[in-house]
């Protein structure tokens, strides 16, 4: 946490846009919440969200994104496996392509720079997971699990108002909702510096993700679609 908050502070020191940084912390026994509160108090525009009992990454991200107020909202892993420099690249892409609503990092992109790779087993499991998604005709994207994604405000509100999964498969649900809601999703190359301290359990969490992915498919089958085959968007009053 201290290196990450320091890096964020340095990055935003000469930032020309209005910004906020939300740090979402779920219940732990290592004093993370107290540490985060102390660090955020030293930075302007930083806020800590005490997310209560531990429910999972999906719940933490959903809480932060529903509180975000920016015209563009990012979520990223606390270890900054995708360096902050990519924020500027994503913002440039949003400026250049007004039709794009959601941008996601793609570690499989030919122009991505993998500074430190995941283990062969972890990397292989990720590729298998994405092949399963494509086989199930859920999300036709090569890298759903990169923890670096950005949303225009309308897409952020619509998607995360509907997103429900608390575990690691939440990324799939987010992207599937984006597509079903008719938003334009594009992937970009990123630099990736794998953290050896990742909390993902390769076997246990992979099976949980596959189970949750099946649940997503079954749940969305029961959602009423409009004549274009998409999930109807909410009106402005329903979003609040």
Protein backbone atom coordinates (compact mmCIF):
# COMPACT_ATOMS: atom_id res chain seq x y z
CA UNK A 1 0.00 0.00 0.00
CA UNK A 2 2.63 2.68 0.82
CA UNK A 3 4.51 2.33 -2.53
CA UNK A 4 1.22 2.35 -4.45
CA UNK A 5 -0.13 5.48 -2.75
CA UNK A 6 3.23 7.21 -3.21
CA UNK A 7 3.24 6.30 -6.91
CA UNK A 8 -0.31 7.63 -7.30
CA UNK A 9 0.64 10.86 -5.58
CA UNK A 10 3.64 11.33 -7.88
CA UNK A 11 1.60 10.51 -10.98
CA UNK A 12 -1.13 13.03 -10.22
CA UNK A 13 1.21 15.82 -9.13
CA UNK A 14 1.32 17.33 -12.62
CA UNK A 15 -2.01 15.95 -13.83
CA UNK A 16 -4.04 18.53 -15.73
CA UNK A 17 -7.49 16.93 -15.34
CA UNK A 18 -9.71 16.92 -12.27
CA UNK A 19 -9.35 13.56 -10.52
CA UNK A 20 -10.18 11.48 -7.47
CA UNK A 21 -8.59 8.29 -6.14
CA UNK A 22 -10.79 5.79 -4.30
CA UNK A 23 -9.06 3.07 -2.28
CA UNK A 24 -11.46 0.24 -1.46
CA UNK A 25 -10.49 -1.90 1.53
CA UNK A 26 -12.33 -5.00 2.70
CA UNK A 27 -12.03 -6.34 6.23
CA UNK A 28 -8.62 -7.84 7.04
CA UNK A 29 -6.47 -8.67 10.05
CA UNK A 30 -3.28 -6.91 8.93
CA UNK A 31 -4.25 -3.29 9.56
CA UNK A 32 -4.69 -2.41 5.87
CA UNK A 33 -7.65 -0.12 6.54
CA UNK A 34 -5.81 1.92 9.18
CA UNK A 35 -2.72 2.12 6.98
CA UNK A 36 -4.77 3.25 3.98
CA UNK A 37 -6.59 5.91 6.01
CA UNK A 38 -3.29 7.33 7.26
CA UNK A 39 -1.76 7.41 3.79
CA UNK A 40 -4.84 8.91 2.09
CA UNK A 41 -4.99 11.70 4.68
CA UNK A 42 -1.66 12.95 3.32
CA UNK A 43 -2.92 13.23 -0.27
CA UNK A 44 -5.46 15.62 -1.77
CA UNK A 45 -8.38 13.99 -3.63
CA UNK A 46 -7.74 10.55 -2.07
CA UNK A 47 -10.53 8.75 -0.25
CA UNK A 48 -10.67 5.37 1.50
CA UNK A 49 -13.84 3.27 1.30
CA UNK A 50 -14.29 0.87 4.22
CA UNK A 51 -16.08 -1.93 2.41
CA UNK A 52 -16.91 -3.97 5.50
CA UNK A 53 -16.71 -7.77 5.65
CA UNK A 54 -14.58 -9.50 3.03
CA UNK A 55 -16.72 -10.59 0.08
CA UNK A 56 -14.29 -10.55 -2.83
CA UNK A 57 -12.70 -8.49 -5.58
CA UNK A 58 -15.93 -8.12 -7.54
CA UNK A 59 -17.67 -6.59 -4.55
CA UNK A 60 -14.76 -4.24 -3.86
CA UNK A 61 -14.56 -3.02 -7.46
CA UNK A 62 -18.35 -2.61 -7.69
CA UNK A 63 -18.37 -0.47 -4.54
CA UNK A 64 -15.65 1.81 -5.87
CA UNK A 65 -17.08 2.16 -9.36
CA UNK A 66 -20.54 3.00 -8.06
CA UNK A 67 -18.99 5.77 -5.94
CA UNK A 68 -16.82 7.14 -8.77
CA UNK A 69 -17.90 10.53 -10.12
CA UNK A 70 -15.52 11.05 -13.05
CA UNK A 71 -16.37 11.33 -16.72
CA UNK A 72 -13.90 8.45 -17.10
CA UNK A 73 -13.53 5.86 -14.32
CA UNK A 74 -10.69 3.35 -14.09
CA UNK A 75 -10.25 0.37 -11.85
CA UNK A 76 -6.84 -1.19 -11.34
CA UNK A 77 -5.10 -3.63 -9.03
CA UNK A 78 -3.50 -2.23 -5.89
CA UNK A 79 -0.11 -3.66 -6.89
CA UNK A 80 -0.14 -1.57 -10.11
CA UNK A 81 0.72 -4.56 -12.28
CA UNK A 82 -0.28 -2.28 -15.16
CA UNK A 83 1.82 0.89 -14.62
CA UNK A 84 0.08 4.22 -14.17
CA UNK A 85 1.55 5.55 -17.43
CA UNK A 86 -1.13 3.52 -19.22
CA UNK A 87 -3.78 5.86 -17.77
CA UNK A 88 -2.62 8.57 -20.17
CA UNK A 89 -2.69 6.17 -23.14
CA UNK A 90 -6.26 5.13 -22.31
CA UNK A 91 -7.39 8.76 -21.88
CA UNK A 92 -5.87 9.64 -25.26
CA UNK A 93 -7.78 6.78 -26.85
CA UNK A 94 -11.05 7.97 -25.31
CA UNK A 95 -10.35 11.48 -26.65
CA UNK A 96 -9.59 10.13 -30.13
CA UNK A 97 -12.53 7.73 -30.37
CA UNK A 98 -15.77 9.20 -28.95
CA UNK A 99 -17.71 6.09 -30.02
CA UNK A 100 -15.78 3.84 -27.59
CA UNK A 101 -17.41 3.40 -24.17
CA UNK A 102 -15.16 0.84 -22.47
CA UNK A 103 -11.42 0.25 -22.78
CA UNK A 104 -9.73 -2.84 -21.35
CA UNK A 105 -6.11 -3.89 -21.05
CA UNK A 106 -5.12 -6.88 -23.19
CA UNK A 107 -1.95 -8.69 -22.15
CA UNK A 108 -2.23 -10.94 -25.22
CA UNK A 109 -2.05 -7.98 -27.62
CA UNK A 110 0.90 -8.10 -30.03
CA UNK A 111 2.08 -4.70 -28.80
CA UNK A 112 1.76 -5.43 -25.08
CA UNK A 113 4.99 -5.33 -23.08
CA UNK A 114 5.29 -8.14 -20.55
CA UNK A 115 8.05 -6.96 -18.21
CA UNK A 116 7.53 -9.77 -15.71
CA UNK A 117 5.47 -12.76 -16.75
CA UNK A 118 3.04 -14.84 -14.73
CA UNK A 119 4.02 -18.43 -13.99
CA UNK A 120 3.46 -20.79 -16.97
CA UNK A 121 0.65 -22.53 -15.04
CA UNK A 122 -1.15 -19.29 -14.18
CA UNK A 123 -0.73 -17.94 -17.70
CA UNK A 124 -1.97 -21.21 -19.21
CA UNK A 125 -5.01 -21.32 -16.95
CA UNK A 126 -5.91 -17.77 -18.02
CA UNK A 127 -5.79 -18.70 -21.70
CA UNK A 128 -7.90 -21.81 -21.09
CA UNK A 129 -10.45 -19.73 -19.18
CA UNK A 130 -10.79 -17.30 -22.08
CA UNK A 131 -11.16 -20.17 -24.57
CA UNK A 132 -14.00 -21.53 -22.43
CA UNK A 133 -15.69 -18.12 -22.54
CA UNK A 134 -15.46 -18.06 -26.31
CA UNK A 135 -16.74 -21.66 -26.56
CA UNK A 136 -19.74 -20.72 -24.43
CA UNK A 137 -20.26 -17.71 -26.74
CA UNK A 138 -20.09 -15.35 -23.78
CA UNK A 139 -17.29 -12.84 -24.37
CA UNK A 140 -15.17 -12.92 -27.51
CA UNK A 141 -12.15 -11.12 -26.06
CA UNK A 142 -8.65 -12.59 -25.63
CA UNK A 143 -8.02 -11.24 -22.10
CA UNK A 144 -11.00 -10.68 -19.83
CA UNK A 145 -9.04 -10.82 -16.57
CA UNK A 146 -6.52 -8.01 -16.93
CA UNK A 147 -7.13 -5.81 -13.87
CA UNK A 148 -7.03 -2.54 -15.77
CA UNK A 149 -10.27 -1.28 -17.31
CA UNK A 150 -11.81 2.14 -17.96
CA UNK A 151 -15.39 3.30 -18.56
CA UNK A 152 -17.17 6.42 -19.69
CA UNK A 153 -19.55 7.68 -17.02
CA UNK A 154 -22.80 6.43 -18.57
CA UNK A 155 -21.39 2.95 -19.18
CA UNK A 156 -19.92 2.81 -15.68
CA UNK A 157 -23.24 3.63 -14.03
CA UNK A 158 -25.31 1.26 -16.16
CA UNK A 159 -22.94 -1.69 -15.92
CA UNK A 160 -22.09 -1.56 -12.22
CA UNK A 161 -25.71 -0.92 -11.21
CA UNK A 162 -26.41 -4.39 -12.66
CA UNK A 163 -23.19 -6.25 -11.83
CA UNK A 164 -23.63 -8.81 -9.03
CA UNK A 165 -20.73 -11.29 -8.79
CA UNK A 166 -18.40 -10.82 -5.82
CA UNK A 167 -15.61 -13.15 -6.97
CA UNK A 168 -12.90 -13.02 -9.65
CA UNK A 169 -15.32 -13.79 -12.51
CA UNK A 170 -16.83 -10.33 -12.11
CA UNK A 171 -14.74 -9.12 -15.07
CA UNK A 172 -16.62 -11.48 -17.37
CA UNK A 173 -19.96 -10.25 -16.05
CA UNK A 174 -18.89 -6.62 -16.54
CA UNK A 175 -17.84 -7.18 -20.15
CA UNK A 176 -20.89 -9.27 -20.96
CA UNK A 177 -23.16 -6.59 -19.53
CA UNK A 178 -21.30 -3.93 -21.53
CA UNK A 179 -21.92 -5.85 -24.73
CA UNK A 180 -25.53 -6.69 -23.91
CA UNK A 181 -26.21 -3.04 -23.09
CA UNK A 182 -24.87 -2.05 -26.49
CA UNK A 183 -21.69 -0.30 -25.35
CA UNK A 184 -18.61 -0.32 -27.58
CA UNK A 185 -15.73 -2.23 -25.96
CA UNK A 186 -12.16 -2.02 -27.25
CA UNK A 187 -8.94 -3.57 -25.95
CA UNK A 188 -5.54 -1.90 -25.88
CA UNK A 189 -1.98 -3.14 -25.38
CA UNK A 190 -0.51 -2.53 -21.94
CA UNK A 191 2.69 -3.03 -20.03
CA UNK A 192 2.34 -5.84 -17.50
CA UNK A 193 4.56 -6.39 -14.47
CA UNK A 194 3.27 -9.48 -12.71
CA UNK A 195 3.13 -9.37 -8.93
CA UNK A 196 4.41 -12.55 -7.27
CA UNK A 197 2.16 -11.71 -4.29
CA UNK A 198 -1.09 -12.35 -6.19
CA UNK A 199 -3.84 -13.77 -3.96
CA UNK A 200 -5.50 -15.81 -6.73
CA UNK A 201 -5.50 -19.54 -5.95
CA UNK A 202 -4.93 -21.12 -9.35
CA UNK A 203 -7.05 -24.28 -9.00
CA UNK A 204 -9.70 -23.24 -6.46
CA UNK A 205 -10.38 -19.81 -7.93
CA UNK A 206 -10.35 -21.11 -11.51
CA UNK A 207 -13.13 -23.59 -10.74
CA UNK A 208 -15.05 -20.88 -8.87
CA UNK A 209 -14.70 -18.57 -11.88
CA UNK A 210 -15.99 -21.24 -14.27
CA UNK A 211 -18.95 -21.91 -11.99
CA UNK A 212 -19.72 -18.21 -11.74
CA UNK A 213 -19.40 -17.84 -15.51
CA UNK A 214 -22.05 -20.52 -15.99
CA UNK A 215 -24.25 -18.66 -13.51
CA UNK A 216 -23.84 -15.46 -15.54
CA UNK A 217 -24.95 -17.26 -18.69
CA UNK A 218 -28.01 -18.74 -17.00
CA UNK A 219 -28.98 -15.44 -15.32
CA UNK A 220 -28.78 -13.39 -18.49
CA UNK A 221 -30.88 -15.92 -20.36
CA UNK A 222 -33.76 -14.86 -18.13
CA UNK A 223 -33.26 -11.11 -18.66
CA UNK A 224 -35.81 -9.43 -20.90
CA UNK A 225 -34.11 -8.16 -24.07
CA UNK A 226 -35.27 -5.40 -26.38
CA UNK A 227 -35.86 -5.85 -30.11
CA UNK A 228 -32.12 -5.46 -30.81
CA UNK A 229 -31.43 -8.42 -28.51
CA UNK A 230 -29.90 -6.21 -25.82
CA UNK A 231 -30.58 -5.52 -22.16
CA UNK A 232 -32.68 -2.32 -21.95
CA UNK A 233 -30.85 0.59 -20.34
CA UNK A 234 -32.21 2.24 -17.23
CA UNK A 235 -33.68 5.73 -17.27
CA UNK A 236 -31.91 8.56 -15.45
CA UNK A 237 -34.05 8.29 -12.32
CA UNK A 238 -33.38 4.56 -11.96
CA UNK A 239 -29.62 5.13 -11.93
CA UNK A 240 -29.62 7.24 -8.79
